[in-house]
Amino acid sequence: MTRRWTLPLMFGILLGVTAWQVTLIATPRMLMWLAVKRVASIGGFNQMKHTPLATAASRTIVRPSPDLAYSSCPYDLSHGPVLIEATPVTAPYWSLSIFDANTNAVFVRNDAGGMRKPLRIAIARAGQSIPAGAETVRVDGNRGVALIRILIENRANFTPIDAARRSARCSAVTG
């Protein structure tokens, strides 16, 4: 009797392990695909978007922190590299993170230690040429998100911080 169930049991275990592995591999890519699509729906790809401070109704992707100002660039490298130019603003904390199609943080720079020099970052796939003088971040996959986060300790001080953060740019590299 046990021999009769051995083959179906082994097949069921193999099927379960395969489904588990596919889920582990596919879930990050699917979640990032949805996140990039949602962020890009606000204004398209390869453009920096400076969102207002979070409120109880803010839910573009997940619950945003009400203490952070967010600027994001959903990028698409299918037609070439993308250039991000940003200068850390005067705030208690500033960071630029770049996430690839698998949700991996492939680049992170913040103002720890008082580092506030301007950044010129080219996001590119292998084989794509980048502009001279840009720091290169190579990614797998065509799409992802670059995210700037700025800590706002006092909302009354947001106006000058907002004006400064709007100098951050994201654009497709042409030519």
Protein backbone atom coordinates (compact mmCIF):
# COMPACT_ATOMS: atom_id res chain seq x y z
CA MET A 1 0.00 0.00 0.00
CA THR A 2 2.82 2.47 0.84
CA ARG A 3 4.47 1.78 -2.52
CA ARG A 4 1.29 2.95 -4.24
CA TRP A 5 1.60 6.40 -2.62
CA THR A 6 5.37 6.81 -2.96
CA LEU A 7 5.38 8.23 -6.51
CA PRO A 8 2.48 10.69 -5.96
CA LEU A 9 4.00 11.77 -2.64
CA MET A 10 7.41 12.37 -4.24
CA PHE A 11 5.73 14.27 -7.09
CA GLY A 12 3.81 16.41 -4.57
CA ILE A 13 7.00 17.20 -2.63
CA LEU A 14 8.85 18.08 -5.85
CA LEU A 15 5.97 20.29 -6.96
CA GLY A 16 5.85 22.03 -3.57
CA VAL A 17 9.62 22.68 -3.52
CA THR A 18 9.49 24.00 -7.09
CA ALA A 19 6.58 26.34 -6.28
CA TRP A 20 8.40 27.57 -3.17
CA GLN A 21 11.56 28.35 -5.18
CA VAL A 22 9.61 30.10 -7.96
CA THR A 23 7.84 32.21 -5.35
CA LEU A 24 11.13 33.17 -3.69
CA ILE A 25 12.63 34.19 -7.02
CA ALA A 26 9.59 35.89 -8.55
CA THR A 27 8.21 37.80 -5.56
CA PRO A 28 10.87 40.55 -5.30
CA ARG A 29 10.79 41.22 -9.06
CA MET A 30 6.96 41.32 -9.09
CA LEU A 31 6.79 43.63 -6.07
CA MET A 32 9.34 46.01 -7.62
CA TRP A 33 7.53 45.90 -10.97
CA LEU A 34 4.33 46.99 -9.20
CA ALA A 35 6.13 49.68 -7.17
CA VAL A 36 7.91 51.14 -10.21
CA LYS A 37 4.68 51.10 -12.20
CA ARG A 38 2.86 52.93 -9.41
CA VAL A 39 5.57 55.57 -8.91
CA ALA A 40 5.93 56.08 -12.68
CA SER A 41 2.17 56.59 -13.04
CA ILE A 42 2.60 59.97 -11.33
CA GLY A 43 4.70 61.46 -14.13
CA GLY A 44 6.54 58.86 -16.18
CA PHE A 45 10.03 57.42 -16.17
CA ASN A 46 13.43 59.11 -15.90
CA GLN A 47 12.07 62.19 -14.15
CA MET A 48 12.54 63.22 -10.53
CA LYS A 49 9.28 63.62 -8.65
CA HIS A 50 9.24 65.63 -5.43
CA THR A 51 6.23 64.56 -3.41
CA PRO A 52 4.63 66.61 -0.66
CA LEU A 53 5.14 65.59 2.95
CA ALA A 54 3.25 62.44 3.90
CA THR A 55 -0.16 62.59 5.50
CA ALA A 56 -2.46 59.89 6.84
CA ALA A 57 -3.83 59.49 3.29
CA SER A 58 -0.41 59.04 1.59
CA ARG A 59 -0.12 55.48 0.35
CA THR A 60 1.57 55.40 -3.05
CA ILE A 61 3.51 52.24 -2.16
CA VAL A 62 3.71 51.60 1.58
CA ARG A 63 3.16 53.70 4.65
CA PRO A 64 5.55 56.61 4.19
CA SER A 65 7.19 58.18 7.21
CA PRO A 66 5.64 61.56 8.07
CA ASP A 67 9.14 62.71 9.13
CA LEU A 68 10.68 62.20 5.68
CA ALA A 69 10.42 64.17 2.46
CA TYR A 70 10.65 61.85 -0.54
CA SER A 71 11.85 62.48 -4.07
CA SER A 72 11.83 59.56 -6.48
CA CYS A 73 12.95 58.71 -9.98
CA PRO A 74 11.49 55.57 -11.51
CA TYR A 75 14.08 54.76 -14.15
CA ASP A 76 13.94 52.81 -17.40
CA LEU A 77 17.24 51.90 -19.04
CA SER A 78 15.79 50.25 -22.14
CA HIS A 79 16.88 53.21 -24.30
CA GLY A 80 20.12 53.99 -22.46
CA PRO A 81 21.53 55.14 -19.13
CA VAL A 82 19.89 57.56 -16.71
CA LEU A 83 21.75 60.40 -15.01
CA ILE A 84 20.92 61.56 -11.48
CA GLU A 85 22.29 64.87 -10.23
CA ALA A 86 21.63 65.81 -6.62
CA THR A 87 23.18 67.88 -3.86
CA PRO A 88 22.50 66.85 -0.27
CA VAL A 89 20.36 69.51 1.38
CA THR A 90 20.93 71.01 4.80
CA ALA A 91 18.79 68.78 7.00
CA PRO A 92 19.46 66.37 9.87
CA TYR A 93 19.63 63.48 7.34
CA TRP A 94 19.75 63.12 3.55
CA SER A 95 20.19 59.97 1.46
CA LEU A 96 20.06 58.73 -2.11
CA SER A 97 19.32 55.02 -2.63
CA ILE A 98 19.07 53.20 -5.95
CA PHE A 99 17.07 49.98 -6.14
CA ASP A 100 17.21 47.49 -9.01
CA ALA A 101 14.44 45.33 -10.46
CA ASN A 102 14.89 42.72 -7.70
CA THR A 103 14.50 45.25 -4.85
CA ASN A 104 18.26 45.19 -4.16
CA ALA A 105 19.74 48.45 -2.89
CA VAL A 106 22.59 48.71 -5.41
CA PHE A 107 23.74 52.17 -4.31
CA VAL A 108 23.35 54.19 -1.11
CA ARG A 109 24.90 57.53 -0.29
CA ASN A 110 24.01 59.72 2.65
CA ASP A 111 25.32 62.78 4.41
CA ALA A 112 26.86 60.85 7.32
CA GLY A 113 29.97 62.60 8.57
CA GLY A 114 28.90 65.91 7.06
CA MET A 115 29.47 64.75 3.46
CA ARG A 116 27.42 67.18 1.38
CA LYS A 117 29.16 67.30 -2.00
CA PRO A 118 27.05 67.14 -5.17
CA LEU A 119 26.43 63.73 -6.71
CA ARG A 120 26.42 62.87 -10.41
CA ILE A 121 25.38 59.23 -10.77
CA ALA A 122 24.83 57.34 -14.04
CA ILE A 123 22.63 54.26 -13.74
CA ALA A 124 23.40 51.86 -16.58
CA ARG A 125 23.30 48.24 -17.66
CA ALA A 126 26.44 46.41 -18.69
CA GLY A 127 27.65 47.67 -22.07
CA GLN A 128 25.88 51.05 -21.93
CA SER A 129 28.24 54.02 -22.14
CA ILE A 130 28.00 56.73 -19.51
CA PRO A 131 28.76 60.45 -19.55
CA ALA A 132 32.23 61.58 -18.50
CA GLY A 133 32.60 62.57 -14.88
CA ALA A 134 29.67 60.51 -13.61
CA GLU A 135 29.96 57.80 -10.99
CA THR A 136 28.60 54.58 -12.51
CA VAL A 137 26.05 52.29 -10.91
CA ARG A 138 25.54 49.11 -12.96
CA VAL A 139 22.24 47.28 -12.53
CA ASP A 140 20.59 44.13 -13.84
CA GLY A 141 17.23 44.77 -15.44
CA ASN A 142 15.92 47.87 -17.14
CA ARG A 143 13.72 49.28 -14.42
CA GLY A 144 14.04 50.34 -10.82
CA VAL A 145 13.74 53.36 -8.53
CA ALA A 146 16.13 55.99 -7.22
CA LEU A 147 14.89 57.42 -3.94
CA ILE A 148 15.97 60.53 -2.03
CA ARG A 149 14.91 60.77 1.60
CA ILE A 150 15.28 63.86 3.77
CA LEU A 151 14.53 63.98 7.47
CA ILE A 152 12.24 66.87 8.40
CA GLU A 153 12.45 67.48 12.15
CA ASN A 154 10.12 70.46 12.10
CA ARG A 155 7.49 70.93 9.39
CA ALA A 156 7.78 74.69 9.83
CA ASN A 157 11.28 74.42 8.28
CA PHE A 158 10.12 72.42 5.26
CA THR A 159 9.81 75.29 2.76
CA PRO A 160 13.57 76.02 2.36
CA ILE A 161 14.40 72.29 2.42
CA ASP A 162 11.76 71.66 -0.25
CA ALA A 163 13.17 74.44 -2.44
CA ALA A 164 16.69 72.98 -2.13
CA ARG A 165 15.64 69.37 -2.83
CA ARG A 166 13.89 70.40 -6.04
CA SER A 167 17.32 70.96 -7.60
CA ALA A 168 17.74 67.15 -7.81
CA ARG A 169 17.40 65.94 -11.39
CA CYS A 170 16.93 62.62 -13.14
CA SER A 171 17.09 62.31 -16.92
CA ALA A 172 17.83 59.91 -19.74
CA VAL A 173 21.32 60.23 -21.18
CA THR A 174 21.08 61.26 -24.82
CA GLY A 175 23.59 60.94 -27.60
